[in-house]
Amino acid sequence: MKKEDLKKDLIDRINEIDDENKLTAIQTILNTLESEHIEFDNKNNALEPEDFGGYIKEWLKSM
Protein backbone atom coordinates (compact mmCIF):
# COMPACT_ATOMS: atom_id res chain seq x y z
CA MET A 1 0.00 0.00 0.00
CA LYS A 2 1.12 3.50 -0.69
CA LYS A 3 1.65 5.92 2.16
CA GLU A 4 -1.43 7.99 1.28
CA ASP A 5 -3.59 4.85 1.16
CA LEU A 6 -2.32 3.82 4.58
CA LYS A 7 -3.10 7.24 6.02
CA LYS A 8 -6.62 7.19 4.57
CA ASP A 9 -7.23 3.67 5.88
CA LEU A 10 -6.05 4.63 9.38
CA ILE A 11 -8.19 7.76 9.43
CA ASP A 12 -11.25 5.81 8.25
CA ARG A 13 -10.74 3.14 10.92
CA ILE A 14 -10.19 5.70 13.68
CA ASN A 15 -13.33 7.59 12.63
CA GLU A 16 -15.34 4.38 13.16
CA ILE A 17 -14.26 4.09 16.82
CA ASP A 18 -16.69 5.45 19.41
CA ASP A 19 -15.05 4.08 22.57
CA GLU A 20 -13.15 6.87 24.34
CA ASN A 21 -10.74 4.37 25.98
CA LYS A 22 -9.72 2.96 22.60
CA LEU A 23 -9.22 6.45 21.19
CA THR A 24 -7.10 7.39 24.21
CA ALA A 25 -5.00 4.24 23.73
CA ILE A 26 -4.43 5.10 20.08
CA GLN A 27 -3.47 8.66 21.02
CA THR A 28 -1.00 7.33 23.59
CA ILE A 29 0.62 5.07 21.00
CA LEU A 30 0.89 7.95 18.52
CA ASN A 31 2.35 10.27 21.17
CA THR A 32 4.90 7.62 22.11
CA LEU A 33 5.95 7.17 18.49
CA GLU A 34 6.16 10.93 18.04
CA SER A 35 8.30 11.44 21.13
CA GLU A 36 10.88 8.86 20.06
CA HIS A 37 11.73 7.69 23.57
CA ILE A 38 15.01 6.04 22.61
CA GLU A 39 17.77 5.93 25.16
CA PHE A 40 21.39 5.29 24.35
CA ASP A 41 23.52 3.02 26.45
CA ASN A 42 26.69 5.09 26.74
CA LYS A 43 28.85 2.13 27.73
CA ASN A 44 27.96 -0.07 24.77
CA ASN A 45 26.59 2.65 22.47
CA ALA A 46 23.56 0.44 21.81
CA LEU A 47 19.86 1.21 21.73
CA GLU A 48 17.69 0.03 24.61
CA PRO A 49 14.32 -1.05 23.22
CA GLU A 50 11.18 -0.31 25.21
CA ASP A 51 8.81 -3.21 25.80
CA PHE A 52 5.24 -2.28 24.93
CA GLY A 53 4.11 -5.92 24.66
CA GLY A 54 2.13 -5.94 27.91
CA TYR A 55 0.43 -2.63 27.16
CA ILE A 56 -0.54 -3.75 23.64
CA LYS A 57 -1.90 -7.09 24.91
CA GLU A 58 -4.09 -5.31 27.47
CA TRP A 59 -5.26 -2.84 24.85
CA LEU A 60 -6.21 -5.67 22.48
CA LYS A 61 -8.10 -7.48 25.27
CA SER A 62 -10.19 -4.36 25.87
CA MET A 63 -11.20 -4.12 22.21
PDB file of N, CA and C in Angstrom:
ATOM      1  N   MET A   1       0.824  -1.185   0.000  1.00  0.00           N
ATOM      2  CA  MET A   1       0.000   0.000   0.000  1.00  0.00           C
ATOM      3  C   MET A   1       0.868   1.248   0.000  1.00  0.00           C
ATOM      4  N   LYS A   2       0.405   2.235  -0.679  1.00  0.00           N
ATOM      5  CA  LYS A   2       1.123   3.500  -0.687  1.00  0.00           C
ATOM      6  C   LYS A   2       0.861   4.248   0.616  1.00  0.00           C
ATOM      7  N   LYS A   3       1.746   5.163   0.915  1.00  0.00           N
ATOM      8  CA  LYS A   3       1.652   5.925   2.164  1.00  0.00           C
ATOM      9  C   LYS A   3       0.310   6.640   2.288  1.00  0.00           C
ATOM     10  N   GLU A   4      -0.157   7.261   1.225  1.00  0.00           N
ATOM     11  CA  GLU A   4      -1.428   7.990   1.282  1.00  0.00           C
ATOM     12  C   GLU A   4      -2.604   7.047   1.517  1.00  0.00           C
ATOM     13  N   ASP A   5      -2.540   5.845   0.928  1.00  0.00           N
ATOM     14  CA  ASP A   5      -3.595   4.853   1.156  1.00  0.00           C
ATOM     15  C   ASP A   5      -3.606   4.396   2.610  1.00  0.00           C
ATOM     16  N   LEU A   6      -2.420   4.211   3.178  1.00  0.00           N
ATOM     17  CA  LEU A   6      -2.319   3.820   4.583  1.00  0.00           C
ATOM     18  C   LEU A   6      -2.900   4.889   5.496  1.00  0.00           C
ATOM     19  N   LYS A   7      -2.571   6.142   5.215  1.00  0.00           N
ATOM     20  CA  LYS A   7      -3.100   7.242   6.021  1.00  0.00           C
ATOM     21  C   LYS A   7      -4.626   7.282   5.953  1.00  0.00           C
ATOM     22  N   LYS A   8      -5.169   7.152   4.747  1.00  0.00           N
ATOM     23  CA  LYS A   8      -6.620   7.194   4.574  1.00  0.00           C
ATOM     24  C   LYS A   8      -7.276   6.033   5.310  1.00  0.00           C
ATOM     25  N   ASP A   9      -6.683   4.842   5.204  1.00  0.00           N
ATOM     26  CA  ASP A   9      -7.231   3.665   5.882  1.00  0.00           C
ATOM     27  C   ASP A   9      -7.227   3.856   7.397  1.00  0.00           C
ATOM     28  N   LEU A  10      -6.133   4.381   7.936  1.00  0.00           N
ATOM     29  CA  LEU A  10      -6.054   4.629   9.379  1.00  0.00           C
ATOM     30  C   LEU A  10      -7.092   5.653   9.829  1.00  0.00           C
ATOM     31  N   ILE A  11      -7.215   6.723   9.078  1.00  0.00           N
ATOM     32  CA  ILE A  11      -8.193   7.760   9.429  1.00  0.00           C
ATOM     33  C   ILE A  11      -9.604   7.194   9.397  1.00  0.00           C
ATOM     34  N   ASP A  12      -9.914   6.414   8.358  1.00  0.00           N
ATOM     35  CA  ASP A  12     -11.246   5.808   8.254  1.00  0.00           C
ATOM     36  C   ASP A  12     -11.532   4.890   9.439  1.00  0.00           C
ATOM     37  N   ARG A  13     -10.550   4.072   9.802  1.00  0.00           N
ATOM     38  CA  ARG A  13     -10.741   3.143  10.922  1.00  0.00           C
ATOM     39  C   ARG A  13     -10.890   3.885  12.245  1.00  0.00           C
ATOM     40  N   ILE A  14     -10.096   4.926  12.443  1.00  0.00           N
ATOM     41  CA  ILE A  14     -10.192   5.705  13.681  1.00  0.00           C
ATOM     42  C   ILE A  14     -11.541   6.406  13.765  1.00  0.00           C
ATOM     43  N   ASN A  15     -12.029   6.909  12.639  1.00  0.00           N
ATOM     44  CA  ASN A  15     -13.326   7.591  12.631  1.00  0.00           C
ATOM     45  C   ASN A  15     -14.484   6.663  12.985  1.00  0.00           C
ATOM     46  N   GLU A  16     -14.304   5.356  12.828  1.00  0.00           N
ATOM     47  CA  GLU A  16     -15.345   4.382  13.162  1.00  0.00           C
ATOM     48  C   GLU A  16     -15.387   4.058  14.656  1.00  0.00           C
ATOM     49  N   ILE A  17     -14.356   4.424  15.401  1.00  0.00           N
ATOM     50  CA  ILE A  17     -14.258   4.086  16.819  1.00  0.00           C
ATOM     51  C   ILE A  17     -15.029   5.101  17.651  1.00  0.00           C
ATOM     52  N   ASP A  18     -15.920   4.587  18.514  1.00  0.00           N
ATOM     53  CA  ASP A  18     -16.693   5.453  19.407  1.00  0.00           C
ATOM     54  C   ASP A  18     -16.219   5.365  20.857  1.00  0.00           C
ATOM     55  N   ASP A  19     -15.492   4.309  21.197  1.00  0.00           N
ATOM     56  CA  ASP A  19     -15.051   4.081  22.570  1.00  0.00           C
ATOM     57  C   ASP A  19     -13.914   5.041  22.926  1.00  0.00           C
ATOM     58  N   GLU A  20     -14.142   5.868  23.941  1.00  0.00           N
ATOM     59  CA  GLU A  20     -13.149   6.865  24.337  1.00  0.00           C
ATOM     60  C   GLU A  20     -11.851   6.217  24.826  1.00  0.00           C
ATOM     61  N   ASN A  21     -11.944   5.061  25.495  1.00  0.00           N
ATOM     62  CA  ASN A  21     -10.743   4.373  25.981  1.00  0.00           C
ATOM     63  C   ASN A  21      -9.867   3.914  24.821  1.00  0.00           C
ATOM     64  N   LYS A  22     -10.491   3.403  23.771  1.00  0.00           N
ATOM     65  CA  LYS A  22      -9.725   2.964  22.600  1.00  0.00           C
ATOM     66  C   LYS A  22      -9.061   4.152  21.910  1.00  0.00           C
ATOM     67  N   LEU A  23      -9.789   5.253  21.810  1.00  0.00           N
ATOM     68  CA  LEU A  23      -9.217   6.446  21.191  1.00  0.00           C
ATOM     69  C   LEU A  23      -8.052   6.989  22.017  1.00  0.00           C
ATOM     70  N   THR A  24      -8.183   6.946  23.334  1.00  0.00           N
ATOM     71  CA  THR A  24      -7.100   7.387  24.214  1.00  0.00           C
ATOM     72  C   THR A  24      -5.882   6.487  24.051  1.00  0.00           C
ATOM     73  N   ALA A  25      -6.113   5.177  23.927  1.00  0.00           N
ATOM     74  CA  ALA A  25      -5.003   4.239  23.735  1.00  0.00           C
ATOM     75  C   ALA A  25      -4.281   4.520  22.421  1.00  0.00           C
ATOM     76  N   ILE A  26      -5.033   4.784  21.374  1.00  0.00           N
ATOM     77  CA  ILE A  26      -4.427   5.103  20.079  1.00  0.00           C
ATOM     78  C   ILE A  26      -3.631   6.401  20.177  1.00  0.00           C
ATOM     79  N   GLN A  27      -4.176   7.387  20.848  1.00  0.00           N
ATOM     80  CA  GLN A  27      -3.475   8.659  21.018  1.00  0.00           C
ATOM     81  C   GLN A  27      -2.173   8.461  21.791  1.00  0.00           C
ATOM     82  N   THR A  28      -2.201   7.614  22.806  1.00  0.00           N
ATOM     83  CA  THR A  28      -1.001   7.331  23.593  1.00  0.00           C
ATOM     84  C   THR A  28       0.069   6.687  22.725  1.00  0.00           C
ATOM     85  N   ILE A  29      -0.336   5.731  21.901  1.00  0.00           N
ATOM     86  CA  ILE A  29       0.618   5.073  21.001  1.00  0.00           C
ATOM     87  C   ILE A  29       1.222   6.092  20.040  1.00  0.00           C
ATOM     88  N   LEU A  30       0.393   6.934  19.452  1.00  0.00           N
ATOM     89  CA  LEU A  30       0.895   7.946  18.516  1.00  0.00           C
ATOM     90  C   LEU A  30       1.826   8.937  19.207  1.00  0.00           C
ATOM     91  N   ASN A  31       1.483   9.346  20.419  1.00  0.00           N
ATOM     92  CA  ASN A  31       2.348  10.267  21.168  1.00  0.00           C
ATOM     93  C   ASN A  31       3.690   9.625  21.476  1.00  0.00           C
ATOM     94  N   THR A  32       3.665   8.338  21.802  1.00  0.00           N
ATOM     95  CA  THR A  32       4.902   7.623  22.105  1.00  0.00           C
ATOM     96  C   THR A  32       5.786   7.543  20.873  1.00  0.00           C
ATOM     97  N   LEU A  33       5.182   7.231  19.730  1.00  0.00           N
ATOM     98  CA  LEU A  33       5.954   7.168  18.491  1.00  0.00           C
ATOM     99  C   LEU A  33       6.530   8.535  18.136  1.00  0.00           C
ATOM    100  N   GLU A  34       5.745   9.567  18.371  1.00  0.00           N
ATOM    101  CA  GLU A  34       6.155  10.926  18.044  1.00  0.00           C
ATOM    102  C   GLU A  34       7.301  11.394  18.932  1.00  0.00           C
ATOM    103  N   SER A  35       7.287  10.986  20.170  1.00  0.00           N
ATOM    104  CA  SER A  35       8.297  11.439  21.129  1.00  0.00           C
ATOM    105  C   SER A  35       9.647  10.777  20.920  1.00  0.00           C
ATOM    106  N   GLU A  36       9.649   9.612  20.291  1.00  0.00           N
ATOM    107  CA  GLU A  36      10.879   8.857  20.064  1.00  0.00           C
ATOM    108  C   GLU A  36      11.679   8.691  21.351  1.00  0.00           C
ATOM    109  N   HIS A  37      11.094   7.948  22.284  1.00  0.00           N
ATOM    110  CA  HIS A  37      11.735   7.689  23.573  1.00  0.00           C
ATOM    111  C   HIS A  37      12.805   6.618  23.413  1.00  0.00           C
ATOM    112  N   ILE A  38      13.908   6.976  22.791  1.00  0.00           N
ATOM    113  CA  ILE A  38      15.014   6.038  22.607  1.00  0.00           C
ATOM    114  C   ILE A  38      16.171   6.504  23.479  1.00  0.00           C
ATOM    115  N   GLU A  39      16.645   5.600  24.297  1.00  0.00           N
ATOM    116  CA  GLU A  39      17.767   5.933  25.165  1.00  0.00           C
ATOM    117  C   GLU A  39      19.021   5.222  24.658  1.00  0.00           C
ATOM    118  N   PHE A  40      20.133   5.889  24.764  1.00  0.00           N
ATOM    119  CA  PHE A  40      21.389   5.294  24.354  1.00  0.00           C
ATOM    120  C   PHE A  40      22.139   4.772  25.573  1.00  0.00           C
ATOM    121  N   ASP A  41      22.671   3.589  25.422  1.00  0.00           N
ATOM    122  CA  ASP A  41      23.523   3.016  26.452  1.00  0.00           C
ATOM    123  C   ASP A  41      24.934   3.532  26.180  1.00  0.00           C
ATOM    124  N   ASN A  42      25.395   4.459  26.992  1.00  0.00           N
ATOM    125  CA  ASN A  42      26.691   5.091  26.745  1.00  0.00           C
ATOM    126  C   ASN A  42      27.843   4.097  26.765  1.00  0.00           C
ATOM    127  N   LYS A  43      27.745   3.091  27.611  1.00  0.00           N
ATOM    128  CA  LYS A  43      28.846   2.134  27.733  1.00  0.00           C
ATOM    129  C   LYS A  43      29.010   1.313  26.465  1.00  0.00           C
ATOM    130  N   ASN A  44      27.899   0.798  25.943  1.00  0.00           N
ATOM    131  CA  ASN A  44      27.963  -0.065  24.767  1.00  0.00           C
ATOM    132  C   ASN A  44      27.534   0.645  23.489  1.00  0.00           C
ATOM    133  N   ASN A  45      27.084   1.893  23.611  1.00  0.00           N
ATOM    134  CA  ASN A  45      26.592   2.654  22.470  1.00  0.00           C
ATOM    135  C   ASN A  45      25.534   1.864  21.691  1.00  0.00           C
ATOM    136  N   ALA A  46      24.621   1.241  22.425  1.00  0.00           N
ATOM    137  CA  ALA A  46      23.557   0.444  21.815  1.00  0.00           C
ATOM    138  C   ALA A  46      22.208   1.006  22.230  1.00  0.00           C
ATOM    139  N   LEU A  47      21.214   0.764  21.412  1.00  0.00           N
ATOM    140  CA  LEU A  47      19.862   1.213  21.732  1.00  0.00           C
ATOM    141  C   LEU A  47      19.217   0.272  22.736  1.00  0.00           C
ATOM    142  N   GLU A  48      18.457   0.831  23.666  1.00  0.00           N
ATOM    143  CA  GLU A  48      17.690   0.033  24.613  1.00  0.00           C
ATOM    144  C   GLU A  48      16.230   0.063  24.174  1.00  0.00           C
ATOM    145  N   PRO A  49      15.713  -1.052  23.670  1.00  0.00           N
ATOM    146  CA  PRO A  49      14.315  -1.050  23.220  1.00  0.00           C
ATOM    147  C   PRO A  49      13.352  -1.005  24.399  1.00  0.00           C
ATOM    148  N   GLU A  50      12.219  -0.337  24.191  1.00  0.00           N
ATOM    149  CA  GLU A  50      11.176  -0.309  25.211  1.00  0.00           C
ATOM    150  C   GLU A  50      10.204  -1.433  24.920  1.00  0.00           C
ATOM    151  N   ASP A  51       9.730  -2.093  25.967  1.00  0.00           N
ATOM    152  CA  ASP A  51       8.808  -3.210  25.803  1.00  0.00           C
ATOM    153  C   ASP A  51       7.376  -2.727  25.984  1.00  0.00           C
ATOM    154  N   PHE A  52       6.638  -2.681  24.894  1.00  0.00           N
ATOM    155  CA  PHE A  52       5.239  -2.282  24.935  1.00  0.00           C
ATOM    156  C   PHE A  52       4.325  -3.497  24.818  1.00  0.00           C
ATOM    157  N   GLY A  53       4.890  -4.699  24.845  1.00  0.00           N
ATOM    158  CA  GLY A  53       4.110  -5.920  24.660  1.00  0.00           C
ATOM    159  C   GLY A  53       2.950  -6.046  25.622  1.00  0.00           C
ATOM    160  N   GLY A  54       3.187  -5.827  26.909  1.00  0.00           N
ATOM    161  CA  GLY A  54       2.129  -5.940  27.914  1.00  0.00           C
ATOM    162  C   GLY A  54       1.032  -4.923  27.690  1.00  0.00           C
ATOM    163  N   TYR A  55       1.408  -3.699  27.405  1.00  0.00           N
ATOM    164  CA  TYR A  55       0.432  -2.635  27.161  1.00  0.00           C
ATOM    165  C   TYR A  55      -0.429  -2.967  25.944  1.00  0.00           C
ATOM    166  N   ILE A  56       0.205  -3.429  24.868  1.00  0.00           N
ATOM    167  CA  ILE A  56      -0.536  -3.747  23.644  1.00  0.00           C
ATOM    168  C   ILE A  56      -1.473  -4.923  23.870  1.00  0.00           C
ATOM    169  N   LYS A  57      -1.035  -5.944  24.614  1.00  0.00           N
ATOM    170  CA  LYS A  57      -1.904  -7.091  24.907  1.00  0.00           C
ATOM    171  C   LYS A  57      -3.140  -6.658  25.682  1.00  0.00           C
ATOM    172  N   GLU A  58      -2.957  -5.796  26.683  1.00  0.00           N
ATOM    173  CA  GLU A  58      -4.095  -5.312  27.467  1.00  0.00           C
ATOM    174  C   GLU A  58      -5.029  -4.468  26.607  1.00  0.00           C
ATOM    175  N   TRP A  59      -4.455  -3.673  25.732  1.00  0.00           N
ATOM    176  CA  TRP A  59      -5.264  -2.841  24.849  1.00  0.00           C
ATOM    177  C   TRP A  59      -6.097  -3.717  23.915  1.00  0.00           C
ATOM    178  N   LEU A  60      -5.480  -4.771  23.373  1.00  0.00           N
ATOM    179  CA  LEU A  60      -6.212  -5.673  22.481  1.00  0.00           C
ATOM    180  C   LEU A  60      -7.313  -6.421  23.220  1.00  0.00           C
ATOM    181  N   LYS A  61      -7.071  -6.801  24.474  1.00  0.00           N
ATOM    182  CA  LYS A  61      -8.101  -7.480  25.266  1.00  0.00           C
ATOM    183  C   LYS A  61      -9.318  -6.586  25.457  1.00  0.00           C
ATOM    184  N   SER A  62      -9.086  -5.284  25.609  1.00  0.00           N
ATOM    185  CA  SER A  62     -10.190  -4.365  25.872  1.00  0.00           C
ATOM    186  C   SER A  62     -10.983  -4.027  24.617  1.00  0.00           C
ATOM    187  N   MET A  63     -10.488  -4.424  23.463  1.00  0.00           N
ATOM    188  CA  MET A  63     -11.196  -4.115  22.213  1.00  0.00           C
ATOM    189  C   MET A  63     -12.348  -5.022  22.054  1.00  0.00           C
TER     190      MET A  63
END
